[in-house]
Every structure is written in C-alpha cells, then in structure tokens.
C-alpha atoms as a PDB file:
ATOM      1  CA  MET A   1     182.790 168.173  85.001  1.00  0.00           C
ATOM      2  CA  LEU A   2     182.516 170.938  87.578  1.00  0.00           C
ATOM      3  CA  LEU A   3     178.813 170.153  88.031  1.00  0.00           C
ATOM      4  CA  LEU A   4     179.669 166.494  88.568  1.00  0.00           C
ATOM      5  CA  PHE A   5     182.287 167.475  91.160  1.00  0.00           C
ATOM      6  CA  ILE A   6     179.760 169.662  93.008  1.00  0.00           C
ATOM      7  CA  TRP A   7     177.127 166.909  92.822  1.00  0.00           C
ATOM      8  CA  VAL A   8     179.539 164.337  94.266  1.00  0.00           C
ATOM      9  CA  LYS A   9     180.875 166.533  97.068  1.00  0.00           C
ATOM     10  CA  PHE A  10     177.867 168.621  98.099  1.00  0.00           C
ATOM     11  CA  GLY A  11     174.802 167.204  96.372  1.00  0.00           C
ATOM     12  CA  GLU A  12     173.914 164.257  98.599  1.00  0.00           C
ATOM     13  CA  PRO A  13     171.665 166.284 100.936  1.00  0.00           C
ATOM     14  CA  LEU A  14     170.040 168.040  97.979  1.00  0.00           C
ATOM     15  CA  PHE A  15     169.332 165.117  95.625  1.00  0.00           C
ATOM     16  CA  ILE A  16     167.586 161.807  96.225  1.00  0.00           C
ATOM     17  CA  TRP A  17     169.730 159.958  93.677  1.00  0.00           C
ATOM     18  CA  ARG A  18     173.476 159.987  94.314  1.00  0.00           C
ATOM     19  CA  ALA A  19     176.092 160.084  91.574  1.00  0.00           C
ATOM     20  CA  PRO A  20     177.418 156.675  90.508  1.00  0.00           C
ATOM     21  CA  THR A  21     180.920 155.899  91.727  1.00  0.00           C
ATOM     22  CA  PRO A  22     183.778 154.850  89.429  1.00  0.00           C
ATOM     23  CA  GLU A  23     183.575 151.356  90.937  1.00  0.00           C
ATOM     24  CA  GLU A  24     179.956 151.049  89.766  1.00  0.00           C
ATOM     25  CA  PHE A  25     181.049 151.875  86.225  1.00  0.00           C
ATOM     26  CA  LYS A  26     183.795 149.240  86.324  1.00  0.00           C
ATOM     27  CA  GLN A  27     181.425 146.360  87.213  1.00  0.00           C
ATOM     28  CA  LYS A  28     180.816 143.878  84.396  1.00  0.00           C
ATOM     29  CA  ASP A  29     177.021 143.639  84.825  1.00  0.00           C
ATOM     30  CA  SER A  30     176.379 147.333  85.407  1.00  0.00           C
ATOM     31  CA  PRO A  31     173.573 148.806  83.267  1.00  0.00           C
ATOM     32  CA  VAL A  32     175.442 152.097  83.334  1.00  0.00           C
ATOM     33  CA  ARG A  33     178.460 150.372  81.769  1.00  0.00           C
ATOM     34  CA  ALA A  34     176.339 148.949  78.982  1.00  0.00           C
ATOM     35  CA  LEU A  35     174.857 152.377  78.319  1.00  0.00           C
ATOM     36  CA  PHE A  36     178.216 154.132  78.154  1.00  0.00           C
ATOM     37  CA  SER A  37     180.379 151.373  76.667  1.00  0.00           C
ATOM     38  CA  GLU A  38     181.615 153.554  73.811  1.00  0.00           C
ATOM     39  CA  ILE A  39     182.761 156.424  76.008  1.00  0.00           C
ATOM     40  CA  GLU A  40     183.795 154.402  79.037  1.00  0.00           C
ATOM     41  CA  GLY A  41     187.404 155.551  79.203  1.00  0.00           C
ATOM     42  CA  LEU A  42     186.572 159.232  79.017  1.00  0.00           C
ATOM     43  CA  LEU A  43     183.704 158.925  81.479  1.00  0.00           C
ATOM     44  CA  LEU A  44     185.828 157.006  83.984  1.00  0.00           C
ATOM     45  CA  MET A  45     188.545 159.632  83.720  1.00  0.00           C
ATOM     46  CA  LEU A  46     186.018 162.409  84.363  1.00  0.00           C
ATOM     47  CA  TYR A  47     184.568 160.571  87.364  1.00  0.00           C
ATOM     48  CA  GLU A  48     188.011 159.915  88.835  1.00  0.00           C
ATOM     49  CA  ILE A  49     188.857 163.585  88.420  1.00  0.00           C
ATOM     50  CA  ALA A  50     185.546 164.603  89.991  1.00  0.00           C
ATOM     51  CA  TYR A  51     186.107 162.289  92.951  1.00  0.00           C
ATOM     52  CA  GLU A  52     189.447 164.074  93.586  1.00  0.00           C
ATOM     53  CA  GLU A  53     191.564 161.014  93.011  1.00  0.00           C
ATOM     54  CA  ASP A  54     193.816 163.168  90.845  1.00  0.00           C
ATOM     55  CA  MET A  55     193.763 166.826  91.882  1.00  0.00           C
ATOM     56  CA  LYS A  56     196.474 167.815  89.385  1.00  0.00           C
ATOM     57  CA  THR A  57     194.357 166.582  86.467  1.00  0.00           C
ATOM     58  CA  LEU A  58     191.328 168.429  87.847  1.00  0.00           C
ATOM     59  CA  LEU A  59     193.283 171.680  87.897  1.00  0.00           C
ATOM     60  CA  TRP A  60     194.600 171.059  84.357  1.00  0.00           C
ATOM     61  CA  ALA A  61     191.075 170.357  83.117  1.00  0.00           C
ATOM     62  CA  ILE A  62     189.778 173.569  84.694  1.00  0.00           C
ATOM     63  CA  LEU A  63     192.676 175.489  83.113  1.00  0.00           C
ATOM     64  CA  PHE A  64     191.986 174.055  79.644  1.00  0.00           C
ATOM     65  CA  VAL A  65     188.278 174.823  79.922  1.00  0.00           C
ATOM     66  CA  ALA A  66     189.121 178.393  80.938  1.00  0.00           C
ATOM     67  CA  ILE A  67     191.489 178.757  77.971  1.00  0.00           C
ATOM     68  CA  ILE A  68     188.900 177.400  75.539  1.00  0.00           C
ATOM     69  CA  TYR A  69     186.270 179.700  77.034  1.00  0.00           C
ATOM     70  CA  THR A  70     188.560 182.717  76.684  1.00  0.00           C
ATOM     71  CA  LEU A  71     189.447 181.865  73.078  1.00  0.00           C
ATOM     72  CA  GLY A  72     185.786 181.280  72.324  1.00  0.00           C
ATOM     73  CA  SER A  73     184.916 184.732  73.568  1.00  0.00           C
ATOM     74  CA  TYR A  74     187.287 186.283  71.016  1.00  0.00           C
ATOM     75  CA  ILE A  75     186.807 183.905  68.067  1.00  0.00           C
ATOM     76  CA  SER A  76     183.501 182.460  66.906  1.00  0.00           C
ATOM     77  CA  LEU A  77     183.017 178.736  66.381  1.00  0.00           C
ATOM     78  CA  LEU A  78     182.486 179.254  62.657  1.00  0.00           C
ATOM     79  CA  THR A  79     185.864 180.991  62.381  1.00  0.00           C
ATOM     80  CA  ILE A  80     187.601 178.161  64.233  1.00  0.00           C
ATOM     81  CA  ILE A  81     185.975 175.574  61.948  1.00  0.00           C
ATOM     82  CA  TYR A  82     187.019 177.604  58.887  1.00  0.00           C
ATOM     83  CA  ILE A  83     190.636 177.871  60.085  1.00  0.00           C
ATOM     84  CA  CYS A  84     190.762 174.117  60.768  1.00  0.00           C
ATOM     85  CA  LEU A  85     189.327 173.356  57.337  1.00  0.00           C
ATOM     86  CA  VAL A  86     191.843 175.614  55.592  1.00  0.00           C
ATOM     87  CA  CYS A  87     194.699 173.981  57.522  1.00  0.00           C
ATOM     88  CA  LEU A  88     193.437 170.497  56.685  1.00  0.00           C
ATOM     89  CA  MET A  89     193.369 171.377  52.997  1.00  0.00           C
ATOM     90  CA  THR A  90     196.669 173.263  52.696  1.00  0.00           C
ATOM     91  CA  ILE A  91     199.169 171.670  55.101  1.00  0.00           C
ATOM     92  CA  PRO A  92     199.301 168.242  53.359  1.00  0.00           C
ATOM     93  CA  VAL A  93     199.794 169.902  49.962  1.00  0.00           C
ATOM     94  CA  LEU A  94     202.537 172.157  51.312  1.00  0.00           C
ATOM     95  CA  TYR A  95     204.236 169.157  52.928  1.00  0.00           C
ATOM     96  CA  LEU A  96     204.222 167.255  49.634  1.00  0.00           C
ATOM     97  CA  LEU A  97     205.754 170.256  47.852  1.00  0.00           C
ATOM     98  CA  CYS A  98     208.489 170.833  50.464  1.00  0.00           C
ATOM     99  CA  GLN A  99     208.906 167.327  51.897  1.00  0.00           C
ATOM    100  CA  GLU A 100     212.720 167.217  51.791  1.00  0.00           C
ATOM    101  CA  VAL A 101     213.116 170.610  53.472  1.00  0.00           C
ATOM    102  CA  VAL A 102     210.644 169.719  56.229  1.00  0.00           C
ATOM    103  CA  ASP A 103     212.233 166.309  56.842  1.00  0.00           C
ATOM    104  CA  ASN A 104     215.734 167.834  57.050  1.00  0.00           C
ATOM    105  CA  PHE A 105     214.473 170.475  59.487  1.00  0.00           C
ATOM    106  CA  ILE A 106     212.841 167.804  61.670  1.00  0.00           C
ATOM    107  CA  GLU A 107     216.101 165.810  61.698  1.00  0.00           C
ATOM    108  CA  ASP A 108     218.060 168.903  62.778  1.00  0.00           C
ATOM    109  CA  VAL A 109     215.582 169.751  65.536  1.00  0.00           C
ATOM    110  CA  SER A 110     215.570 166.139  66.723  1.00  0.00           C
ATOM    111  CA  GLY A 111     219.378 166.161  66.920  1.00  0.00           C
ATOM    112  CA  VAL A 112     219.398 169.383  68.942  1.00  0.00           C
ATOM    113  CA  LYS A 113     216.725 167.950  71.254  1.00  0.00           C
ATOM    114  CA  ASN A 114     218.783 164.796  71.836  1.00  0.00           C
ATOM    115  CA  LYS A 115     221.899 166.869  72.641  1.00  0.00           C
ATOM    116  CA  ILE A 116     219.953 168.951  75.161  1.00  0.00           C
ATOM    117  CA  LEU A 117     218.509 165.828  76.782  1.00  0.00           C
ATOM    118  CA  GLU A 118     222.011 164.315  77.085  1.00  0.00           C
ATOM    119  CA  ILE A 119     223.153 167.426  78.975  1.00  0.00           C
ATOM    120  CA  PHE A 120     220.404 166.982  81.575  1.00  0.00           C
ATOM    121  CA  LYS A 121     221.011 163.241  82.083  1.00  0.00           C
END
C-alpha cells in the first residue's frame, strides 16, 4: 500500500504508465474491474487510502502493518499458525464443556457495559 501511495503521489515523472484511479475501477466496462472482480472492495479501499481520501485510515493501516512486522520479528509464521490451529481445536471444545458459565459471564459483562453506556449518555 505504501508503494502504491508513493507511485500515485511521486511516480508520474518516473513511470510511463500512471496508476489507475478509483473512478476507473468503478466503471462498469473497465477491464481492470473484470480482472479484480473478486477483490474489488479491498482494492478500492486500498486505492482510496493511497489517494489520501481518508488519512486516518492510512495512518491506521501503517500502524497495523508496523505491529504485524514487529510481532513477526519475534514470532515465526510457523509458530503463529500452530497457535491458531491449537486455538481452533480447543476453544470450541472448552466452550461446549463450560457453556453455561461462559454464557452467564457474557450476560454479566453485557449488563455492566450497558450501565456504563447509560452513564455517558
């Protein structure tokens, strides 16, 4: 996404072909739209962020990429996949064993949340 942002803002003198605009993606007869029809929503969001239509989202995206990069420097991808697999296998079983306790806890937390929200209204 950062490369796309740099290409859009500073790449016109360097490259012959310019980056497509979000309007070109939104056209019905666009060949680019046909090519990316499955990932259209994500691609449009990335282009809108890169064209600085939403600076807050750009900063959030950069922050999330930095967090993922930092976590990736400490934990390998194989370890992350293993942790996700273990969670996918154990959490549903634990929920089935302790379903009443978990549901009661969620009800209590939801009630506390609603009381706090009423205070701020």
